[in-house]
Amino acid sequence: MSSSSVRNRSGASSADSDETLNIDDVSAEAKNLIDKVIKDVGKSSASKQLLIGGASGWMTGYLMMKVGKVAALAVGGGIILLQVANHSGYVKINWDKVFKQAEEVGSRIEQQSTSKGPKFLDKVERLVDRKLDKAEELLKKKERKAKKWFYRTVLDEEEPFMFDEIHVFLASFMAGFALGMAFGLVLR
């Protein structure tokens, strides 16, 4: 049985059954589901953006607090165990060799970063990117000016204030994230 196939509920191998589960298929299906849920969030109503942003932010913050505590405990505990093992004589660390290798790696990185300049194509790519960014920014400014002109001259009114596409979602996500982190601290 390959590592990407899974046994079905009855315990039979995926080769024995028509119901085969493939990790790649599952991940593609999950990605499609997430894309469907979040697709064009910025173009949906403000209440939907608030709901999705707040809920996803709260979940992210809460999980981050819980997983962060476990990860910190694992890393810290591992370091302490390594130090205790070193002190007890179970593990012998040759610190001179560690420092020597760290210096060699550092000098190699420094040498490579200082001796190699950017290649000609990299320079051209950066120049083209900068010029395209400037052109895009100019077009956006012209579009805003054209909208303001249209509202003032044709409709005889000022342009109504409208949130930019995704700002409501981002604000509610950040608020939910902060609440999720707070809940992660409170609910130990």
C-alpha atoms as a PDB file:
ATOM      1  CA  MET A   1       0.000   0.000   0.000  1.00  0.00           C
ATOM      2  CA  SER A   2       1.461   3.368  -0.947  1.00  0.00           C
ATOM      3  CA  SER A   3       1.875   6.204   1.538  1.00  0.00           C
ATOM      4  CA  SER A   4      -0.741   8.288  -0.245  1.00  0.00           C
ATOM      5  CA  SER A   5      -3.541   5.721  -0.113  1.00  0.00           C
ATOM      6  CA  VAL A   6      -5.672   5.164   2.951  1.00  0.00           C
ATOM      7  CA  ARG A   7      -7.674   2.214   4.254  1.00  0.00           C
ATOM      8  CA  ASN A   8     -11.422   2.615   4.187  1.00  0.00           C
ATOM      9  CA  ARG A   9     -13.635   2.248   7.290  1.00  0.00           C
ATOM     10  CA  SER A  10     -14.065  -1.500   6.978  1.00  0.00           C
ATOM     11  CA  GLY A  11     -10.286  -1.929   7.226  1.00  0.00           C
ATOM     12  CA  ALA A  12      -9.888  -3.243   3.676  1.00  0.00           C
ATOM     13  CA  SER A  13      -7.049  -1.830   1.678  1.00  0.00           C
ATOM     14  CA  SER A  14      -7.877   0.781  -0.934  1.00  0.00           C
ATOM     15  CA  ALA A  15      -6.963  -1.688  -3.666  1.00  0.00           C
ATOM     16  CA  ASP A  16      -9.763  -3.987  -2.437  1.00  0.00           C
ATOM     17  CA  SER A  17     -12.469  -1.351  -2.574  1.00  0.00           C
ATOM     18  CA  ASP A  18     -13.913   1.064  -5.098  1.00  0.00           C
ATOM     19  CA  GLU A  19     -13.712   3.839  -2.508  1.00  0.00           C
ATOM     20  CA  THR A  20     -10.093   4.937  -2.778  1.00  0.00           C
ATOM     21  CA  LEU A  21      -8.877   7.954  -0.875  1.00  0.00           C
ATOM     22  CA  ASN A  22      -5.792   9.667  -2.185  1.00  0.00           C
ATOM     23  CA  ILE A  23      -4.002  12.334  -0.144  1.00  0.00           C
ATOM     24  CA  ASP A  24      -3.563  14.472  -3.250  1.00  0.00           C
ATOM     25  CA  ASP A  25      -7.288  14.246  -4.022  1.00  0.00           C
ATOM     26  CA  VAL A  26      -8.215  15.115  -0.451  1.00  0.00           C
ATOM     27  CA  SER A  27      -5.910  18.137  -0.407  1.00  0.00           C
ATOM     28  CA  ALA A  28      -7.224  19.312  -3.789  1.00  0.00           C
ATOM     29  CA  GLU A  29     -10.808  18.916  -2.558  1.00  0.00           C
ATOM     30  CA  ALA A  30     -10.021  20.875   0.623  1.00  0.00           C
ATOM     31  CA  LYS A  31      -8.374  23.619  -1.412  1.00  0.00           C
ATOM     32  CA  ASN A  32     -11.408  23.814  -3.710  1.00  0.00           C
ATOM     33  CA  LEU A  33     -13.728  24.016  -0.691  1.00  0.00           C
ATOM     34  CA  ILE A  34     -11.688  26.838   0.850  1.00  0.00           C
ATOM     35  CA  ASP A  35     -11.594  28.657  -2.493  1.00  0.00           C
ATOM     36  CA  LYS A  36     -15.383  28.381  -2.789  1.00  0.00           C
ATOM     37  CA  VAL A  37     -15.933  29.730   0.716  1.00  0.00           C
ATOM     38  CA  ILE A  38     -13.493  32.623   0.501  1.00  0.00           C
ATOM     39  CA  LYS A  39     -13.896  33.430  -3.200  1.00  0.00           C
ATOM     40  CA  ASP A  40     -14.488  37.105  -3.708  1.00  0.00           C
ATOM     41  CA  VAL A  41     -14.995  37.873  -0.027  1.00  0.00           C
ATOM     42  CA  GLY A  42     -14.226  41.485  -0.792  1.00  0.00           C
ATOM     43  CA  LYS A  43     -17.117  41.691  -3.223  1.00  0.00           C
ATOM     44  CA  SER A  44     -19.681  40.194  -0.836  1.00  0.00           C
ATOM     45  CA  SER A  45     -21.831  42.132   1.614  1.00  0.00           C
ATOM     46  CA  ALA A  46     -20.270  43.823   4.617  1.00  0.00           C
ATOM     47  CA  SER A  47     -22.142  41.596   7.067  1.00  0.00           C
ATOM     48  CA  LYS A  48     -20.832  38.461   5.366  1.00  0.00           C
ATOM     49  CA  GLN A  49     -17.312  39.882   5.441  1.00  0.00           C
ATOM     50  CA  LEU A  50     -17.690  40.690   9.147  1.00  0.00           C
ATOM     51  CA  LEU A  51     -18.954  37.215   9.934  1.00  0.00           C
ATOM     52  CA  ILE A  52     -16.328  35.323   7.936  1.00  0.00           C
ATOM     53  CA  GLY A  53     -13.483  37.624   8.977  1.00  0.00           C
ATOM     54  CA  GLY A  54     -14.368  37.576  12.661  1.00  0.00           C
ATOM     55  CA  ALA A  55     -14.894  33.816  12.812  1.00  0.00           C
ATOM     56  CA  SER A  56     -11.741  32.949  10.886  1.00  0.00           C
ATOM     57  CA  GLY A  57      -9.690  35.465  12.876  1.00  0.00           C
ATOM     58  CA  TRP A  58     -10.973  34.118  16.189  1.00  0.00           C
ATOM     59  CA  MET A  59     -10.212  30.533  15.138  1.00  0.00           C
ATOM     60  CA  THR A  60      -6.735  31.473  13.934  1.00  0.00           C
ATOM     61  CA  GLY A  61      -5.889  33.392  17.109  1.00  0.00           C
ATOM     62  CA  TYR A  62      -7.235  30.702  19.431  1.00  0.00           C
ATOM     63  CA  LEU A  63      -5.435  27.877  17.614  1.00  0.00           C
ATOM     64  CA  MET A  64      -2.253  29.914  17.455  1.00  0.00           C
ATOM     65  CA  MET A  65      -2.268  30.344  21.230  1.00  0.00           C
ATOM     66  CA  LYS A  66      -2.895  26.648  21.862  1.00  0.00           C
ATOM     67  CA  VAL A  67      -0.434  25.327  19.266  1.00  0.00           C
ATOM     68  CA  GLY A  68       2.114  27.983  20.229  1.00  0.00           C
ATOM     69  CA  LYS A  69       2.073  26.838  23.846  1.00  0.00           C
ATOM     70  CA  VAL A  70       2.604  23.214  22.836  1.00  0.00           C
ATOM     71  CA  ALA A  71       5.408  24.130  20.428  1.00  0.00           C
ATOM     72  CA  ALA A  72       7.135  26.319  23.031  1.00  0.00           C
ATOM     73  CA  LEU A  73       6.854  23.536  25.600  1.00  0.00           C
ATOM     74  CA  ALA A  74       8.294  20.979  23.167  1.00  0.00           C
ATOM     75  CA  VAL A  75      11.222  23.163  22.081  1.00  0.00           C
ATOM     76  CA  GLY A  76      11.996  24.377  25.601  1.00  0.00           C
ATOM     77  CA  GLY A  77      11.689  20.883  27.051  1.00  0.00           C
ATOM     78  CA  GLY A  78      13.975  19.501  24.359  1.00  0.00           C
ATOM     79  CA  ILE A  79      16.619  22.118  25.080  1.00  0.00           C
ATOM     80  CA  ILE A  80      16.416  21.460  28.823  1.00  0.00           C
ATOM     81  CA  LEU A  81      16.656  17.685  28.290  1.00  0.00           C
ATOM     82  CA  LEU A  82      19.663  18.157  26.024  1.00  0.00           C
ATOM     83  CA  GLN A  83      21.392  20.330  28.616  1.00  0.00           C
ATOM     84  CA  VAL A  84      20.644  17.839  31.414  1.00  0.00           C
ATOM     85  CA  ALA A  85      21.949  14.982  29.254  1.00  0.00           C
ATOM     86  CA  ASN A  86      25.067  17.009  28.451  1.00  0.00           C
ATOM     87  CA  HIS A  87      25.627  17.860  32.124  1.00  0.00           C
ATOM     88  CA  SER A  88      25.112  14.222  33.179  1.00  0.00           C
ATOM     89  CA  GLY A  89      27.579  12.976  30.605  1.00  0.00           C
ATOM     90  CA  TYR A  90      25.125  11.116  28.371  1.00  0.00           C
ATOM     91  CA  VAL A  91      25.776  13.510  25.506  1.00  0.00           C
ATOM     92  CA  LYS A  92      29.153  15.054  24.805  1.00  0.00           C
ATOM     93  CA  ILE A  93      29.045  18.211  22.673  1.00  0.00           C
ATOM     94  CA  ASN A  94      32.261  19.370  21.054  1.00  0.00           C
ATOM     95  CA  TRP A  95      31.611  23.108  21.272  1.00  0.00           C
ATOM     96  CA  ASP A  96      34.885  23.999  19.539  1.00  0.00           C
ATOM     97  CA  LYS A  97      33.808  22.023  16.480  1.00  0.00           C
ATOM     98  CA  VAL A  98      30.322  23.590  16.552  1.00  0.00           C
ATOM     99  CA  PHE A  99      31.735  27.125  16.696  1.00  0.00           C
ATOM    100  CA  LYS A 100      34.297  26.357  13.983  1.00  0.00           C
ATOM    101  CA  GLN A 101      31.648  25.015  11.611  1.00  0.00           C
ATOM    102  CA  ALA A 102      29.353  27.961  12.357  1.00  0.00           C
ATOM    103  CA  GLU A 103      32.182  30.366  11.509  1.00  0.00           C
ATOM    104  CA  GLU A 104      32.927  28.505   8.264  1.00  0.00           C
ATOM    105  CA  VAL A 105      29.288  28.607   7.191  1.00  0.00           C
ATOM    106  CA  GLY A 106      29.054  32.289   8.104  1.00  0.00           C
ATOM    107  CA  SER A 107      32.176  33.142   6.122  1.00  0.00           C
ATOM    108  CA  ARG A 108      30.933  31.162   3.101  1.00  0.00           C
ATOM    109  CA  ILE A 109      27.591  32.963   3.174  1.00  0.00           C
ATOM    110  CA  GLU A 110      29.312  36.320   3.530  1.00  0.00           C
ATOM    111  CA  GLN A 111      31.687  35.525   0.670  1.00  0.00           C
ATOM    112  CA  GLN A 112      28.877  34.425  -1.616  1.00  0.00           C
ATOM    113  CA  SER A 113      26.705  37.407  -0.789  1.00  0.00           C
ATOM    114  CA  THR A 114      29.468  39.979  -1.312  1.00  0.00           C
ATOM    115  CA  SER A 115      31.253  38.457  -4.301  1.00  0.00           C
ATOM    116  CA  LYS A 116      28.193  37.710  -6.378  1.00  0.00           C
ATOM    117  CA  GLY A 117      26.421  40.746  -7.659  1.00  0.00           C
ATOM    118  CA  PRO A 118      23.003  40.561  -9.244  1.00  0.00           C
ATOM    119  CA  LYS A 119      23.022  39.201 -12.768  1.00  0.00           C
ATOM    120  CA  PHE A 120      22.028  41.354 -15.717  1.00  0.00           C
ATOM    121  CA  LEU A 121      18.677  39.611 -16.152  1.00  0.00           C
ATOM    122  CA  ASP A 122      17.877  40.134 -12.456  1.00  0.00           C
ATOM    123  CA  LYS A 123      18.566  43.844 -12.837  1.00  0.00           C
ATOM    124  CA  VAL A 124      16.368  44.028 -15.945  1.00  0.00           C
ATOM    125  CA  GLU A 125      13.592  42.123 -14.170  1.00  0.00           C
ATOM    126  CA  ARG A 126      13.635  44.522 -11.223  1.00  0.00           C
ATOM    127  CA  LEU A 127      13.618  47.526 -13.579  1.00  0.00           C
ATOM    128  CA  VAL A 128      10.651  46.177 -15.519  1.00  0.00           C
ATOM    129  CA  ASP A 129       8.800  45.381 -12.279  1.00  0.00           C
ATOM    130  CA  ARG A 130       9.339  48.927 -10.997  1.00  0.00           C
ATOM    131  CA  LYS A 131       8.150  50.436 -14.279  1.00  0.00           C
ATOM    132  CA  LEU A 132       5.061  48.208 -14.349  1.00  0.00           C
ATOM    133  CA  ASP A 133       4.241  49.126 -10.747  1.00  0.00           C
ATOM    134  CA  LYS A 134       4.520  52.809 -11.590  1.00  0.00           C
ATOM    135  CA  ALA A 135       2.296  52.385 -14.647  1.00  0.00           C
ATOM    136  CA  GLU A 136      -0.313  50.477 -12.621  1.00  0.00           C
ATOM    137  CA  GLU A 137      -0.286  53.148  -9.914  1.00  0.00           C
ATOM    138  CA  LEU A 138      -0.728  55.880 -12.516  1.00  0.00           C
ATOM    139  CA  LEU A 139      -3.668  54.054 -14.089  1.00  0.00           C
ATOM    140  CA  LYS A 140      -5.342  53.646 -10.697  1.00  0.00           C
ATOM    141  CA  LYS A 141      -4.946  57.373  -9.998  1.00  0.00           C
ATOM    142  CA  LYS A 142      -6.433  58.228 -13.387  1.00  0.00           C
ATOM    143  CA  GLU A 143      -9.348  55.859 -12.738  1.00  0.00           C
ATOM    144  CA  ARG A 144     -10.084  57.558  -9.396  1.00  0.00           C
ATOM    145  CA  LYS A 145      -9.914  60.986 -11.022  1.00  0.00           C
ATOM    146  CA  ALA A 146     -12.285  59.867 -13.783  1.00  0.00           C
ATOM    147  CA  LYS A 147     -14.800  58.551 -11.220  1.00  0.00           C
ATOM    148  CA  LYS A 148     -14.680  61.795  -9.254  1.00  0.00           C
ATOM    149  CA  TRP A 149     -15.164  63.822 -12.444  1.00  0.00           C
ATOM    150  CA  PHE A 150     -18.147  61.659 -13.436  1.00  0.00           C
ATOM    151  CA  TYR A 151     -19.835  62.013 -10.052  1.00  0.00           C
ATOM    152  CA  ARG A 152     -19.249  65.781  -9.892  1.00  0.00           C
ATOM    153  CA  THR A 153     -20.211  66.728 -13.457  1.00  0.00           C
ATOM    154  CA  VAL A 154     -22.764  64.175 -14.550  1.00  0.00           C
ATOM    155  CA  LEU A 155     -24.518  63.311 -11.284  1.00  0.00           C
ATOM    156  CA  ASP A 156     -23.972  66.660  -9.507  1.00  0.00           C
ATOM    157  CA  GLU A 157     -22.980  64.966  -6.281  1.00  0.00           C
ATOM    158  CA  GLU A 158     -19.876  64.000  -4.413  1.00  0.00           C
ATOM    159  CA  GLU A 159     -18.632  60.454  -4.729  1.00  0.00           C
ATOM    160  CA  PRO A 160     -20.194  58.365  -1.963  1.00  0.00           C
ATOM    161  CA  PHE A 161     -17.806  56.823   0.559  1.00  0.00           C
ATOM    162  CA  MET A 162     -17.338  53.128  -0.128  1.00  0.00           C
ATOM    163  CA  PHE A 163     -15.073  50.686   1.631  1.00  0.00           C
ATOM    164  CA  ASP A 164     -12.353  49.274  -0.536  1.00  0.00           C
ATOM    165  CA  GLU A 165     -13.130  45.685  -1.385  1.00  0.00           C
ATOM    166  CA  ILE A 166     -11.613  43.711   1.473  1.00  0.00           C
ATOM    167  CA  HIS A 167     -11.056  46.205   4.291  1.00  0.00           C
ATOM    168  CA  VAL A 168     -14.133  45.106   6.244  1.00  0.00           C
ATOM    169  CA  PHE A 169     -12.951  41.494   6.129  1.00  0.00           C
ATOM    170  CA  LEU A 170      -9.418  42.392   7.208  1.00  0.00           C
ATOM    171  CA  ALA A 171     -10.592  44.578  10.081  1.00  0.00           C
ATOM    172  CA  SER A 172     -12.961  41.910  11.370  1.00  0.00           C
ATOM    173  CA  PHE A 173     -10.256  39.247  10.937  1.00  0.00           C
ATOM    174  CA  MET A 174      -7.823  41.267  13.038  1.00  0.00           C
ATOM    175  CA  ALA A 175     -10.464  41.881  15.722  1.00  0.00           C
ATOM    176  CA  GLY A 176     -11.351  38.184  15.734  1.00  0.00           C
ATOM    177  CA  PHE A 177      -7.667  37.270  15.858  1.00  0.00           C
ATOM    178  CA  ALA A 178      -7.153  39.458  18.926  1.00  0.00           C
ATOM    179  CA  LEU A 179     -10.242  37.962  20.587  1.00  0.00           C
ATOM    180  CA  GLY A 180      -9.068  34.456  19.760  1.00  0.00           C
ATOM    181  CA  MET A 181      -5.664  35.138  21.320  1.00  0.00           C
ATOM    182  CA  ALA A 182      -7.369  36.574  24.399  1.00  0.00           C
ATOM    183  CA  PHE A 183      -9.613  33.512  24.687  1.00  0.00           C
ATOM    184  CA  GLY A 184      -6.535  31.309  24.276  1.00  0.00           C
ATOM    185  CA  LEU A 185      -4.943  33.055  27.267  1.00  0.00           C
ATOM    186  CA  VAL A 186      -8.086  33.033  29.412  1.00  0.00           C
ATOM    187  CA  LEU A 187      -9.219  29.473  28.669  1.00  0.00           C
ATOM    188  CA  ARG A 188      -6.106  27.595  29.745  1.00  0.00           C
END
